[in-house]
Amino acid sequence: MEILTLDWNKYSDFTLATGSVDKSIMMWDIRRPEEPLLGLHGHTYAIRKVKCSPHRQNILMSVSYDRTWCLWDTSRPEPLVQRSEHHTEFCVGCDFNIFIEGLVATCGWDNVVAMWKLGTDPRA
């Protein structure tokens, strides 16, 4: 499994998220690296970037070569909260605004940087 991206959980010294070519996002406790804590599946191509929320321990965002971004809540039985395809080419970057909770951005090979408040449509 080729890992393309990783990010530390800002609220846990031992937890990180990885995104892979096999379309999976895995949460890991580095004290027990032989077994992932959780697997997240919702993309149809490789995961290009994962980013853990600086505001909430259980929230992370991912973008993929399938041109989508996904918002995940790892505390829920069904962790996929929101999924959207608003780029016309590969989606390659994402981040949370550290000063304004809920403000996020993505970027893609289509030369678009999209910014929006979570819960709204990024295409608006």
Protein backbone atom coordinates (compact mmCIF):
# COMPACT_ATOMS: atom_id res chain seq x y z
CA MET A 1 0.00 0.00 0.00
CA GLU A 2 1.56 3.28 -1.13
CA ILE A 3 0.80 6.12 1.29
CA LEU A 4 0.58 9.56 -0.33
CA THR A 5 -0.30 11.73 2.66
CA LEU A 6 -0.47 11.84 6.44
CA ASP A 7 -1.44 14.25 9.19
CA TRP A 8 -1.22 14.15 12.98
CA ASN A 9 -4.34 14.49 15.08
CA LYS A 10 -3.79 17.75 16.96
CA TYR A 11 -5.56 16.38 20.05
CA SER A 12 -3.76 13.06 20.41
CA ASP A 13 -0.01 12.67 20.67
CA PHE A 14 -0.16 9.17 19.23
CA THR A 15 -2.81 9.32 16.46
CA LEU A 16 -2.29 10.06 12.80
CA ALA A 17 -4.30 9.69 9.60
CA THR A 18 -2.90 8.35 6.32
CA GLY A 19 -4.28 8.38 2.79
CA SER A 20 -3.27 5.77 0.24
CA VAL A 21 -3.28 4.77 -3.39
CA ASP A 22 -5.70 1.97 -2.47
CA LYS A 23 -8.42 4.65 -1.85
CA SER A 24 -8.37 4.18 1.93
CA ILE A 25 -7.85 6.52 4.83
CA MET A 26 -6.50 4.85 7.94
CA MET A 27 -6.29 6.14 11.49
CA TRP A 28 -3.28 4.82 13.43
CA ASP A 29 -2.07 4.74 17.01
CA ILE A 30 1.71 4.82 16.60
CA ARG A 31 2.13 2.81 19.79
CA ARG A 32 0.45 -0.11 17.97
CA PRO A 33 1.33 0.32 14.27
CA GLU A 34 0.52 -3.25 13.29
CA GLU A 35 -3.24 -2.64 13.29
CA PRO A 36 -5.12 0.55 12.21
CA LEU A 37 -7.64 2.05 14.62
CA LEU A 38 -10.13 2.76 11.86
CA GLY A 39 -10.46 2.59 8.08
CA LEU A 40 -12.44 5.17 6.12
CA HIS A 41 -13.68 4.44 2.60
CA GLY A 42 -15.57 6.82 0.31
CA HIS A 43 -13.25 7.83 -2.51
CA THR A 44 -13.00 6.03 -5.86
CA TYR A 45 -9.36 6.96 -6.63
CA ALA A 46 -6.19 7.49 -4.60
CA ILE A 47 -6.29 9.83 -1.61
CA ARG A 48 -4.08 12.84 -2.31
CA LYS A 49 -4.38 14.70 1.00
CA VAL A 50 -5.79 14.19 4.50
CA LYS A 51 -6.06 16.93 7.08
CA CYS A 52 -7.16 16.63 10.71
CA SER A 53 -9.25 19.46 12.12
CA PRO A 54 -7.46 21.92 14.38
CA HIS A 55 -10.79 22.48 16.19
CA ARG A 56 -12.26 19.02 16.81
CA GLN A 57 -10.53 15.75 17.62
CA ASN A 58 -12.85 13.52 15.58
CA ILE A 59 -13.08 15.56 12.33
CA LEU A 60 -10.90 15.22 9.26
CA MET A 61 -11.07 16.11 5.59
CA SER A 62 -9.70 14.30 2.56
CA VAL A 63 -9.30 15.01 -1.14
CA SER A 64 -8.74 12.55 -3.93
CA TYR A 65 -7.80 12.15 -7.54
CA ASP A 66 -11.51 11.34 -8.05
CA ARG A 67 -12.08 15.16 -7.90
CA THR A 68 -13.95 14.98 -4.58
CA TRP A 69 -13.44 16.09 -1.02
CA CYS A 70 -14.91 14.26 1.96
CA LEU A 71 -15.59 15.36 5.51
CA TRP A 72 -15.35 12.61 8.13
CA ASP A 73 -16.47 12.34 11.76
CA THR A 74 -14.68 9.36 13.28
CA SER A 75 -16.97 9.34 16.33
CA ARG A 76 -20.01 8.34 14.24
CA PRO A 77 -21.02 4.82 13.20
CA GLU A 78 -21.22 6.10 9.60
CA PRO A 79 -18.24 8.49 9.55
CA LEU A 80 -18.74 10.04 6.09
CA VAL A 81 -20.51 13.35 6.83
CA GLN A 82 -20.26 15.21 3.53
CA ARG A 83 -18.89 14.52 0.04
CA SER A 84 -18.73 16.92 -2.87
CA GLU A 85 -17.28 17.07 -6.36
CA HIS A 86 -16.65 20.69 -7.26
CA HIS A 87 -13.30 20.46 -9.07
CA THR A 88 -13.07 19.52 -12.75
CA GLU A 89 -9.59 17.98 -12.38
CA PHE A 90 -7.71 16.11 -9.65
CA CYS A 91 -8.29 17.54 -6.19
CA VAL A 92 -4.84 17.74 -4.56
CA GLY A 93 -4.98 19.93 -1.46
CA CYS A 94 -7.20 20.78 1.49
CA ASP A 95 -6.96 22.61 4.78
CA PHE A 96 -8.94 23.97 7.70
CA ASN A 97 -8.71 27.65 8.66
CA ILE A 98 -7.12 27.64 12.12
CA PHE A 99 -8.73 30.95 13.09
CA ILE A 100 -12.32 30.42 11.84
CA GLU A 101 -13.87 27.08 12.74
CA GLY A 102 -15.71 25.52 9.80
CA LEU A 103 -13.93 27.50 7.10
CA VAL A 104 -12.16 25.13 4.71
CA ALA A 105 -10.41 25.24 1.36
CA THR A 106 -9.49 22.82 -1.43
CA CYS A 107 -7.40 23.17 -4.56
CA GLY A 108 -7.05 21.17 -7.74
CA TRP A 109 -5.28 20.74 -11.05
CA ASP A 110 -8.07 22.86 -12.53
CA ASN A 111 -6.34 25.97 -11.09
CA VAL A 112 -9.25 26.51 -8.69
CA VAL A 113 -8.95 27.30 -5.00
CA ALA A 114 -12.38 26.83 -3.40
CA MET A 115 -13.18 28.23 0.06
CA TRP A 116 -16.45 27.76 1.90
CA LYS A 117 -18.06 27.25 5.28
CA LEU A 118 -18.80 23.63 6.15
CA GLY A 119 -22.48 22.83 5.78
CA THR A 120 -22.80 24.98 2.66
CA ASP A 121 -22.33 24.00 -0.96
CA PRO A 122 -18.77 24.75 -2.15
CA ARG A 123 -20.11 25.34 -5.68
CA ALA A 124 -22.27 28.24 -4.50
